[in-house]
Amino acid sequence: MTTAGDLRENVELLKQVSVSDGAGGSTTEWVAQFQARAAIKVLKAGETVLAGRLQGTQTLVITVRWQSALAEVEGTWRLRNVRTDSEYNIRAVTPDTRKAFADILCETDEL
């Protein structure tokens, strides 16, 4: 069971948006949508061979307090640990039964 004292990290949830480049075109940038306090737990880490190279992956569960903005989060968003500046690809957001906390399943290509 997660408690408020377990939420020791500060994370930002990032959404990819199209931004004007000032010359009539646009570029895509990751823009922070909101911040939350979080508990981070590494589930597993592994290595696979991809295109003849060794590729490391890491799966994490990041627990945050439930807030209504989490309902809009999709698998195309990213999560950034503000303290370490590490970024993770979000795979799923699962609220608990009382919507007090939510678990965010994330992956990273870095070990």
Protein backbone atom coordinates (compact mmCIF):
# COMPACT_ATOMS: atom_id res chain seq x y z
CA MET A 1 0.00 0.00 0.00
CA THR A 2 1.34 3.40 -0.99
CA THR A 3 1.34 6.26 1.49
CA ALA A 4 2.08 9.95 1.07
CA GLY A 5 5.53 9.44 2.63
CA ASP A 6 6.49 7.08 -0.23
CA LEU A 7 6.11 9.84 -2.85
CA ARG A 8 9.70 11.09 -2.74
CA GLU A 9 10.35 11.93 -6.40
CA ASN A 10 9.01 14.80 -8.51
CA VAL A 11 7.87 13.84 -12.04
CA GLU A 12 6.47 15.71 -15.05
CA LEU A 13 4.11 14.22 -17.61
CA LEU A 14 5.00 15.38 -21.11
CA LYS A 15 2.82 15.51 -24.22
CA GLN A 16 4.13 15.91 -27.75
CA VAL A 17 2.65 19.05 -29.33
CA SER A 18 3.12 20.91 -32.59
CA VAL A 19 4.71 24.34 -32.10
CA SER A 20 5.08 27.10 -34.69
CA ASP A 21 8.69 27.64 -35.77
CA GLY A 22 8.08 31.30 -36.67
CA ALA A 23 8.72 30.75 -40.38
CA GLY A 24 5.32 29.38 -41.34
CA GLY A 25 6.13 25.78 -40.42
CA SER A 26 5.94 23.80 -37.25
CA THR A 27 8.07 21.50 -35.11
CA THR A 28 7.13 18.99 -32.44
CA GLU A 29 8.23 19.42 -28.85
CA TRP A 30 7.61 17.64 -25.56
CA VAL A 31 5.66 20.05 -23.33
CA ALA A 32 5.03 19.46 -19.60
CA GLN A 33 1.31 19.14 -18.89
CA PHE A 34 1.50 18.74 -15.11
CA GLN A 35 3.78 17.68 -12.24
CA ALA A 36 3.22 15.21 -9.43
CA ARG A 37 5.04 13.65 -6.49
CA ALA A 38 5.82 9.99 -7.17
CA ALA A 39 7.21 6.68 -5.92
CA ILE A 40 9.35 4.88 -8.50
CA LYS A 41 9.83 1.11 -8.50
CA VAL A 42 11.94 -0.78 -11.06
CA LEU A 43 10.16 -3.97 -12.11
CA LYS A 44 12.74 -5.51 -14.39
CA ALA A 45 15.70 -4.75 -16.59
CA GLY A 46 16.98 -6.77 -19.50
CA GLU A 47 18.96 -6.83 -22.70
CA THR A 48 17.97 -7.96 -26.18
CA VAL A 49 19.83 -8.11 -29.47
CA LEU A 50 18.31 -5.67 -31.94
CA ALA A 51 19.83 -5.24 -35.43
CA GLY A 52 23.03 -6.90 -34.27
CA ARG A 53 23.41 -4.58 -31.26
CA LEU A 54 22.75 -5.17 -27.61
CA GLN A 55 19.75 -3.08 -26.52
CA GLY A 56 18.98 -2.53 -22.81
CA THR A 57 15.44 -1.95 -21.56
CA GLN A 58 14.00 -1.18 -18.14
CA THR A 59 10.38 -1.45 -16.97
CA LEU A 60 9.16 0.70 -14.07
CA VAL A 61 5.97 1.38 -12.15
CA ILE A 62 5.57 4.98 -11.03
CA THR A 63 2.88 5.63 -8.42
CA VAL A 64 1.29 9.09 -8.11
CA ARG A 65 -1.77 10.51 -6.38
CA TRP A 66 -4.81 10.32 -8.67
CA GLN A 67 -5.79 13.56 -10.37
CA SER A 68 -8.32 14.09 -13.14
CA ALA A 69 -5.61 15.11 -15.64
CA LEU A 70 -4.35 11.49 -15.59
CA ALA A 71 -7.50 10.41 -17.46
CA GLU A 72 -6.15 12.19 -20.57
CA VAL A 73 -2.73 10.48 -20.53
CA GLU A 74 -2.14 8.14 -23.46
CA GLY A 75 0.61 5.76 -24.51
CA THR A 76 2.17 8.49 -26.66
CA TRP A 77 3.08 10.61 -23.61
CA ARG A 78 6.37 10.59 -21.67
CA LEU A 79 7.22 10.90 -18.02
CA ARG A 80 10.33 12.74 -16.78
CA ASN A 81 11.95 12.40 -13.38
CA VAL A 82 12.78 16.03 -12.53
CA ARG A 83 15.64 15.13 -10.14
CA THR A 84 17.55 12.78 -12.48
CA ASP A 85 16.25 14.19 -15.79
CA SER A 86 15.48 10.62 -16.94
CA GLU A 87 12.65 10.19 -19.45
CA TYR A 88 10.36 7.17 -19.74
CA ASN A 89 7.81 6.11 -22.35
CA ILE A 90 4.36 5.68 -20.78
CA ARG A 91 2.65 2.39 -21.60
CA ALA A 92 -0.44 2.45 -19.33
CA VAL A 93 -2.11 4.36 -16.48
CA THR A 94 -4.08 2.28 -13.97
CA PRO A 95 -5.96 3.96 -11.09
CA ASP A 96 -6.65 2.00 -7.91
CA THR A 97 -10.24 1.10 -7.03
CA ARG A 98 -10.80 4.21 -4.88
CA LYS A 99 -8.95 6.54 -7.29
CA ALA A 100 -6.62 7.62 -4.51
CA PHE A 101 -3.46 6.62 -6.40
CA ALA A 102 -2.56 5.60 -9.95
CA ASP A 103 0.20 3.33 -11.25
CA ILE A 104 1.92 4.45 -14.45
CA LEU A 105 3.68 1.63 -16.31
CA CYS A 106 6.77 3.00 -18.09
CA GLU A 107 9.68 1.74 -20.19
CA THR A 108 13.05 3.18 -21.01
CA ASP A 109 15.75 2.20 -23.47
CA GLU A 110 18.50 3.12 -21.02
CA LEU A 111 19.88 0.98 -18.21
